Amino acid sequence: MKNITIKLENDVAHWARVWAAEHNTSVSQVLGTLLKRMKKEKTGYAQAMQQFLAVEPQSLKDNSPYPSRDDLYER
């Protein structure tokens, strides 16, 4: 684990300590959990986008035209 120092306004630091105490945790654990969740969301989105863009659409593979609207949505 890596220790870091952050600066907070006094009222924010007080609120964070009170909130953490009410939830039987520490400000450090709250921030660590929040940052971990943010990292997971951001990197997960980027990975999903890369995976999506890596797949070539079927219509480009076989030079077929796009399907018609009626083919896509049976009426």
PDB file of N, CA and C in Angstrom:
ATOM      1  N   MET A   1       0.836  -1.178   0.000  1.00  0.00           N
ATOM      2  CA  MET A   1       0.000   0.000   0.000  1.00  0.00           C
ATOM      3  C   MET A   1       0.882   1.241   0.000  1.00  0.00           C
ATOM      4  N   LYS A   2       0.389   2.260  -0.631  1.00  0.00           N
ATOM      5  CA  LYS A   2       1.098   3.521  -0.727  1.00  0.00           C
ATOM      6  C   LYS A   2       0.371   4.573   0.093  1.00  0.00           C
ATOM      7  N   ASN A   3       1.097   5.294   0.913  1.00  0.00           N
ATOM      8  CA  ASN A   3       0.518   6.404   1.677  1.00  0.00           C
ATOM      9  C   ASN A   3       0.596   7.666   0.842  1.00  0.00           C
ATOM     10  N   ILE A   4      -0.482   8.443   0.881  1.00  0.00           N
ATOM     11  CA  ILE A   4      -0.496   9.735   0.196  1.00  0.00           C
ATOM     12  C   ILE A   4      -1.053  10.787   1.149  1.00  0.00           C
ATOM     13  N   THR A   5      -0.769  12.019   0.850  1.00  0.00           N
ATOM     14  CA  THR A   5      -1.285  13.135   1.631  1.00  0.00           C
ATOM     15  C   THR A   5      -2.218  13.926   0.736  1.00  0.00           C
ATOM     16  N   ILE A   6      -3.382  14.288   1.259  1.00  0.00           N
ATOM     17  CA  ILE A   6      -4.319  15.105   0.501  1.00  0.00           C
ATOM     18  C   ILE A   6      -4.663  16.342   1.312  1.00  0.00           C
ATOM     19  N   LYS A   7      -5.132  17.359   0.626  1.00  0.00           N
ATOM     20  CA  LYS A   7      -5.569  18.579   1.293  1.00  0.00           C
ATOM     21  C   LYS A   7      -7.061  18.711   1.101  1.00  0.00           C
ATOM     22  N   LEU A   8      -7.753  18.972   2.194  1.00  0.00           N
ATOM     23  CA  LEU A   8      -9.198  19.188   2.175  1.00  0.00           C
ATOM     24  C   LEU A   8      -9.514  20.465   2.932  1.00  0.00           C
ATOM     25  N   GLU A   9     -10.587  21.106   2.556  1.00  0.00           N
ATOM     26  CA  GLU A   9     -11.053  22.242   3.336  1.00  0.00           C
ATOM     27  C   GLU A   9     -11.484  21.719   4.697  1.00  0.00           C
ATOM     28  N   ASN A  10     -11.379  22.554   5.715  1.00  0.00           N
ATOM     29  CA  ASN A  10     -11.664  22.124   7.086  1.00  0.00           C
ATOM     30  C   ASN A  10     -13.060  21.531   7.246  1.00  0.00           C
ATOM     31  N   ASP A  11     -14.055  22.177   6.656  1.00  0.00           N
ATOM     32  CA  ASP A  11     -15.419  21.660   6.819  1.00  0.00           C
ATOM     33  C   ASP A  11     -15.609  20.320   6.107  1.00  0.00           C
ATOM     34  N   VAL A  12     -14.946  20.126   4.981  1.00  0.00           N
ATOM     35  CA  VAL A  12     -15.033  18.861   4.252  1.00  0.00           C
ATOM     36  C   VAL A  12     -14.332  17.757   5.040  1.00  0.00           C
ATOM     37  N   ALA A  13     -13.167  18.063   5.596  1.00  0.00           N
ATOM     38  CA  ALA A  13     -12.435  17.080   6.388  1.00  0.00           C
ATOM     39  C   ALA A  13     -13.244  16.671   7.616  1.00  0.00           C
ATOM     40  N   HIS A  14     -13.860  17.637   8.279  1.00  0.00           N
ATOM     41  CA  HIS A  14     -14.685  17.335   9.452  1.00  0.00           C
ATOM     42  C   HIS A  14     -15.867  16.442   9.068  1.00  0.00           C
ATOM     43  N   TRP A  15     -16.565  16.819   7.991  1.00  0.00           N
ATOM     44  CA  TRP A  15     -17.704  16.025   7.538  1.00  0.00           C
ATOM     45  C   TRP A  15     -17.263  14.601   7.191  1.00  0.00           C
ATOM     46  N   ALA A  16     -16.129  14.461   6.507  1.00  0.00           N
ATOM     47  CA  ALA A  16     -15.639  13.142   6.107  1.00  0.00           C
ATOM     48  C   ALA A  16     -15.319  12.288   7.325  1.00  0.00           C
ATOM     49  N   ARG A  17     -14.695  12.877   8.339  1.00  0.00           N
ATOM     50  CA  ARG A  17     -14.379  12.120   9.556  1.00  0.00           C
ATOM     51  C   ARG A  17     -15.648  11.675  10.276  1.00  0.00           C
ATOM     52  N   VAL A  18     -16.630  12.573  10.359  1.00  0.00           N
ATOM     53  CA  VAL A  18     -17.895  12.227  11.020  1.00  0.00           C
ATOM     54  C   VAL A  18     -18.604  11.131  10.239  1.00  0.00           C
ATOM     55  N   TRP A  19     -18.691  11.275   8.925  1.00  0.00           N
ATOM     56  CA  TRP A  19     -19.369  10.275   8.096  1.00  0.00           C
ATOM     57  C   TRP A  19     -18.686   8.919   8.223  1.00  0.00           C
ATOM     58  N   ALA A  20     -17.362   8.902   8.160  1.00  0.00           N
ATOM     59  CA  ALA A  20     -16.616   7.656   8.276  1.00  0.00           C
ATOM     60  C   ALA A  20     -16.857   7.005   9.638  1.00  0.00           C
ATOM     61  N   ALA A  21     -16.861   7.805  10.699  1.00  0.00           N
ATOM     62  CA  ALA A  21     -17.097   7.272  12.041  1.00  0.00           C
ATOM     63  C   ALA A  21     -18.502   6.681  12.149  1.00  0.00           C
ATOM     64  N   GLU A  22     -19.475   7.343  11.568  1.00  0.00           N
ATOM     65  CA  GLU A  22     -20.850   6.842  11.597  1.00  0.00           C
ATOM     66  C   GLU A  22     -20.984   5.510  10.861  1.00  0.00           C
ATOM     67  N   HIS A  23     -20.089   5.264   9.918  1.00  0.00           N
ATOM     68  CA  HIS A  23     -20.135   4.039   9.117  1.00  0.00           C
ATOM     69  C   HIS A  23     -19.022   3.054   9.510  1.00  0.00           C
ATOM     70  N   ASN A  24     -18.452   3.277  10.696  1.00  0.00           N
ATOM     71  CA  ASN A  24     -17.405   2.386  11.234  1.00  0.00           C
ATOM     72  C   ASN A  24     -16.276   2.117  10.245  1.00  0.00           C
ATOM     73  N   THR A  25     -15.783   3.168   9.646  1.00  0.00           N
ATOM     74  CA  THR A  25     -14.668   3.052   8.710  1.00  0.00           C
ATOM     75  C   THR A  25     -13.780   4.279   8.878  1.00  0.00           C
ATOM     76  N   SER A  26     -12.823   4.417   8.011  1.00  0.00           N
ATOM     77  CA  SER A  26     -11.932   5.585   8.074  1.00  0.00           C
ATOM     78  C   SER A  26     -12.048   6.370   6.776  1.00  0.00           C
ATOM     79  N   VAL A  27     -11.632   7.619   6.834  1.00  0.00           N
ATOM     80  CA  VAL A  27     -11.629   8.453   5.632  1.00  0.00           C
ATOM     81  C   VAL A  27     -10.715   7.817   4.590  1.00  0.00           C
ATOM     82  N   SER A  28      -9.615   7.255   5.028  1.00  0.00           N
ATOM     83  CA  SER A  28      -8.684   6.597   4.115  1.00  0.00           C
ATOM     84  C   SER A  28      -9.363   5.439   3.375  1.00  0.00           C
ATOM     85  N   GLN A  29     -10.114   4.613   4.094  1.00  0.00           N
ATOM     86  CA  GLN A  29     -10.801   3.497   3.454  1.00  0.00           C
ATOM     87  C   GLN A  29     -11.894   3.981   2.508  1.00  0.00           C
ATOM     88  N   VAL A  30     -12.605   5.033   2.895  1.00  0.00           N
ATOM     89  CA  VAL A  30     -13.650   5.584   2.037  1.00  0.00           C
ATOM     90  C   VAL A  30     -13.037   6.083   0.732  1.00  0.00           C
ATOM     91  N   LEU A  31     -11.977   6.856   0.821  1.00  0.00           N
ATOM     92  CA  LEU A  31     -11.328   7.380  -0.382  1.00  0.00           C
ATOM     93  C   LEU A  31     -10.730   6.259  -1.221  1.00  0.00           C
ATOM     94  N   GLY A  32     -10.114   5.283  -0.572  1.00  0.00           N
ATOM     95  CA  GLY A  32      -9.546   4.152  -1.296  1.00  0.00           C
ATOM     96  C   GLY A  32     -10.601   3.381  -2.067  1.00  0.00           C
ATOM     97  N   THR A  33     -11.746   3.137  -1.434  1.00  0.00           N
ATOM     98  CA  THR A  33     -12.840   2.420  -2.090  1.00  0.00           C
ATOM     99  C   THR A  33     -13.402   3.229  -3.252  1.00  0.00           C
ATOM    100  N   LEU A  34     -13.578   4.526  -3.039  1.00  0.00           N
ATOM    101  CA  LEU A  34     -14.100   5.396  -4.082  1.00  0.00           C
ATOM    102  C   LEU A  34     -13.168   5.427  -5.293  1.00  0.00           C
ATOM    103  N   LEU A  35     -11.882   5.595  -5.054  1.00  0.00           N
ATOM    104  CA  LEU A  35     -10.922   5.661  -6.150  1.00  0.00           C
ATOM    105  C   LEU A  35     -10.808   4.322  -6.877  1.00  0.00           C
ATOM    106  N   LYS A  36     -10.878   3.232  -6.134  1.00  0.00           N
ATOM    107  CA  LYS A  36     -10.831   1.900  -6.748  1.00  0.00           C
ATOM    108  C   LYS A  36     -12.030   1.702  -7.675  1.00  0.00           C
ATOM    109  N   ARG A  37     -13.223   2.120  -7.204  1.00  0.00           N
ATOM    110  CA  ARG A  37     -14.435   2.004  -8.016  1.00  0.00           C
ATOM    111  C   ARG A  37     -14.337   2.866  -9.280  1.00  0.00           C
ATOM    112  N   MET A  38     -13.813   4.080  -9.131  1.00  0.00           N
ATOM    113  CA  MET A  38     -13.658   4.965 -10.284  1.00  0.00           C
ATOM    114  C   MET A  38     -12.700   4.364 -11.305  1.00  0.00           C
ATOM    115  N   LYS A  39     -11.604   3.802 -10.835  1.00  0.00           N
ATOM    116  CA  LYS A  39     -10.624   3.178 -11.730  1.00  0.00           C
ATOM    117  C   LYS A  39     -11.257   2.015 -12.481  1.00  0.00           C
ATOM    118  N   LYS A  40     -12.019   1.196 -11.768  1.00  0.00           N
ATOM    119  CA  LYS A  40     -12.668   0.040 -12.385  1.00  0.00           C
ATOM    120  C   LYS A  40     -13.658   0.491 -13.465  1.00  0.00           C
ATOM    121  N   GLU A  41     -14.430   1.525 -13.168  1.00  0.00           N
ATOM    122  CA  GLU A  41     -15.401   2.033 -14.142  1.00  0.00           C
ATOM    123  C   GLU A  41     -14.706   2.594 -15.376  1.00  0.00           C
ATOM    124  N   LYS A  42     -13.666   3.374 -15.172  1.00  0.00           N
ATOM    125  CA  LYS A  42     -12.983   4.012 -16.301  1.00  0.00           C
ATOM    126  C   LYS A  42     -12.236   2.993 -17.152  1.00  0.00           C
ATOM    127  N   THR A  43     -11.494   2.104 -16.512  1.00  0.00           N
ATOM    128  CA  THR A  43     -10.729   1.122 -17.290  1.00  0.00           C
ATOM    129  C   THR A  43     -11.657   0.083 -17.898  1.00  0.00           C
ATOM    130  N   GLY A  44     -12.740  -0.251 -17.225  1.00  0.00           N
ATOM    131  CA  GLY A  44     -13.707  -1.202 -17.772  1.00  0.00           C
ATOM    132  C   GLY A  44     -14.356  -0.657 -19.026  1.00  0.00           C
ATOM    133  N   TYR A  45     -14.694   0.627 -19.008  1.00  0.00           N
ATOM    134  CA  TYR A  45     -15.300   1.254 -20.179  1.00  0.00           C
ATOM    135  C   TYR A  45     -14.319   1.268 -21.342  1.00  0.00           C
ATOM    136  N   ALA A  46     -13.074   1.627 -21.066  1.00  0.00           N
ATOM    137  CA  ALA A  46     -12.064   1.692 -22.127  1.00  0.00           C
ATOM    138  C   ALA A  46     -11.827   0.311 -22.730  1.00  0.00           C
ATOM    139  N   GLN A  47     -11.766  -0.715 -21.890  1.00  0.00           N
ATOM    140  CA  GLN A  47     -11.563  -2.070 -22.391  1.00  0.00           C
ATOM    141  C   GLN A  47     -12.756  -2.516 -23.232  1.00  0.00           C
ATOM    142  N   ALA A  48     -13.959  -2.227 -22.788  1.00  0.00           N
ATOM    143  CA  ALA A  48     -15.148  -2.608 -23.543  1.00  0.00           C
ATOM    144  C   ALA A  48     -15.185  -1.897 -24.893  1.00  0.00           C
ATOM    145  N   MET A  49     -14.796  -0.627 -24.916  1.00  0.00           N
ATOM    146  CA  MET A  49     -14.771   0.124 -26.166  1.00  0.00           C
ATOM    147  C   MET A  49     -13.738  -0.462 -27.130  1.00  0.00           C
ATOM    148  N   GLN A  50     -12.566  -0.793 -26.626  1.00  0.00           N
ATOM    149  CA  GLN A  50     -11.538  -1.409 -27.467  1.00  0.00           C
ATOM    150  C   GLN A  50     -12.026  -2.732 -28.028  1.00  0.00           C
ATOM    151  N   GLN A  51     -12.651  -3.534 -27.209  1.00  0.00           N
ATOM    152  CA  GLN A  51     -13.161  -4.827 -27.646  1.00  0.00           C
ATOM    153  C   GLN A  51     -14.242  -4.638 -28.716  1.00  0.00           C
ATOM    154  N   PHE A  52     -15.125  -3.688 -28.518  1.00  0.00           N
ATOM    155  CA  PHE A  52     -16.184  -3.423 -29.483  1.00  0.00           C
ATOM    156  C   PHE A  52     -15.603  -2.973 -30.825  1.00  0.00           C
ATOM    157  N   LEU A  53     -14.648  -2.047 -30.772  1.00  0.00           N
ATOM    158  CA  LEU A  53     -14.079  -1.511 -32.000  1.00  0.00           C
ATOM    159  C   LEU A  53     -13.182  -2.506 -32.724  1.00  0.00           C
ATOM    160  N   ALA A  54     -12.725  -3.544 -32.031  1.00  0.00           N
ATOM    161  CA  ALA A  54     -11.860  -4.544 -32.643  1.00  0.00           C
ATOM    162  C   ALA A  54     -12.629  -5.512 -33.534  1.00  0.00           C
ATOM    163  N   VAL A  55     -13.950  -5.566 -33.381  1.00  0.00           N
ATOM    164  CA  VAL A  55     -14.767  -6.493 -34.162  1.00  0.00           C
ATOM    165  C   VAL A  55     -15.235  -5.796 -35.427  1.00  0.00           C
ATOM    166  N   GLU A  56     -14.944  -6.417 -36.570  1.00  0.00           N
ATOM    167  CA  GLU A  56     -15.362  -5.847 -37.844  1.00  0.00           C
ATOM    168  C   GLU A  56     -16.820  -6.222 -38.105  1.00  0.00           C
ATOM    169  N   PRO A  57     -17.664  -5.248 -38.452  1.00  0.00           N
ATOM    170  CA  PRO A  57     -19.062  -5.563 -38.718  1.00  0.00           C
ATOM    171  C   PRO A  57     -19.209  -6.575 -39.851  1.00  0.00           C
ATOM    172  N   GLN A  58     -20.197  -7.452 -39.753  1.00  0.00           N
ATOM    173  CA  GLN A  58     -20.405  -8.501 -40.752  1.00  0.00           C
ATOM    174  C   GLN A  58     -20.621  -7.910 -42.143  1.00  0.00           C
ATOM    175  N   SER A  59     -21.321  -6.790 -42.216  1.00  0.00           N
ATOM    176  CA  SER A  59     -21.602  -6.196 -43.523  1.00  0.00           C
ATOM    177  C   SER A  59     -20.320  -5.763 -44.230  1.00  0.00           C
ATOM    178  N   LEU A  60     -19.276  -5.438 -43.493  1.00  0.00           N
ATOM    179  CA  LEU A  60     -18.010  -5.058 -44.110  1.00  0.00           C
ATOM    180  C   LEU A  60     -17.200  -6.284 -44.521  1.00  0.00           C
ATOM    181  N   LYS A  61     -17.421  -7.406 -43.854  1.00  0.00           N
ATOM    182  CA  LYS A  61     -16.663  -8.618 -44.162  1.00  0.00           C
ATOM    183  C   LYS A  61     -17.043  -9.194 -45.515  1.00  0.00           C
ATOM    184  N   ASP A  62     -18.333  -9.233 -45.804  1.00  0.00           N
ATOM    185  CA  ASP A  62     -18.767  -9.881 -47.035  1.00  0.00           C
ATOM    186  C   ASP A  62     -19.276  -8.895 -48.083  1.00  0.00           C
ATOM    187  N   ASN A  63     -19.014  -7.612 -47.891  1.00  0.00           N
ATOM    188  CA  ASN A  63     -19.410  -6.553 -48.820  1.00  0.00           C
ATOM    189  C   ASN A  63     -20.905  -6.528 -49.105  1.00  0.00           C
ATOM    190  N   SER A  64     -21.694  -7.042 -48.188  1.00  0.00           N
ATOM    191  CA  SER A  64     -23.138  -7.010 -48.378  1.00  0.00           C
ATOM    192  C   SER A  64     -23.668  -5.656 -47.932  1.00  0.00           C
ATOM    193  N   PRO A  65     -24.787  -5.225 -48.516  1.00  0.00           N
ATOM    194  CA  PRO A  65     -25.359  -3.943 -48.085  1.00  0.00           C
ATOM    195  C   PRO A  65     -25.953  -4.079 -46.686  1.00  0.00           C
ATOM    196  N   TYR A  66     -26.209  -2.967 -46.098  1.00  0.00           N
ATOM    197  CA  TYR A  66     -26.854  -2.989 -44.798  1.00  0.00           C
ATOM    198  C   TYR A  66     -28.238  -3.611 -44.931  1.00  0.00           C
ATOM    199  N   PRO A  67     -28.710  -4.284 -43.892  1.00  0.00           N
ATOM    200  CA  PRO A  67     -30.052  -4.855 -43.964  1.00  0.00           C
ATOM    201  C   PRO A  67     -31.099  -3.744 -44.039  1.00  0.00           C
ATOM    202  N   SER A  68     -32.215  -4.067 -44.661  1.00  0.00           N
ATOM    203  CA  SER A  68     -33.281  -3.071 -44.759  1.00  0.00           C
ATOM    204  C   SER A  68     -33.972  -2.942 -43.400  1.00  0.00           C
ATOM    205  N   ARG A  69     -34.689  -1.870 -43.252  1.00  0.00           N
ATOM    206  CA  ARG A  69     -35.413  -1.641 -42.003  1.00  0.00           C
ATOM    207  C   ARG A  69     -36.434  -2.757 -41.777  1.00  0.00           C
ATOM    208  N   ASP A  70     -37.105  -3.175 -42.848  1.00  0.00           N
ATOM    209  CA  ASP A  70     -38.103  -4.231 -42.703  1.00  0.00           C
ATOM    210  C   ASP A  70     -37.469  -5.554 -42.282  1.00  0.00           C
ATOM    211  N   ASP A  71     -36.256  -5.806 -42.764  1.00  0.00           N
ATOM    212  CA  ASP A  71     -35.575  -7.043 -42.339  1.00  0.00           C
ATOM    213  C   ASP A  71     -35.224  -7.011 -40.865  1.00  0.00           C
ATOM    214  N   LEU A  72     -34.873  -5.836 -40.387  1.00  0.00           N
ATOM    215  CA  LEU A  72     -34.497  -5.719 -38.979  1.00  0.00           C
ATOM    216  C   LEU A  72     -35.701  -5.741 -38.051  1.00  0.00           C
ATOM    217  N   TYR A  73     -36.777  -5.113 -38.477  1.00  0.00           N
ATOM    218  CA  TYR A  73     -37.954  -4.986 -37.629  1.00  0.00           C
ATOM    219  C   TYR A  73     -39.156  -5.583 -38.346  1.00  0.00           C
ATOM    220  N   GLU A  74     -39.447  -6.818 -38.012  1.00  0.00           N
ATOM    221  CA  GLU A  74     -40.607  -7.459 -38.639  1.00  0.00           C
ATOM    222  C   GLU A  74     -41.866  -6.747 -38.198  1.00  0.00           C
ATOM    223  N   ARG A  75     -42.735  -6.490 -39.149  1.00  0.00           N
ATOM    224  CA  ARG A  75     -43.971  -5.763 -38.846  1.00  0.00           C
ATOM    225  C   ARG A  75     -45.155  -6.653 -39.008  1.00  0.00           C
TER     226      ARG A  75
END
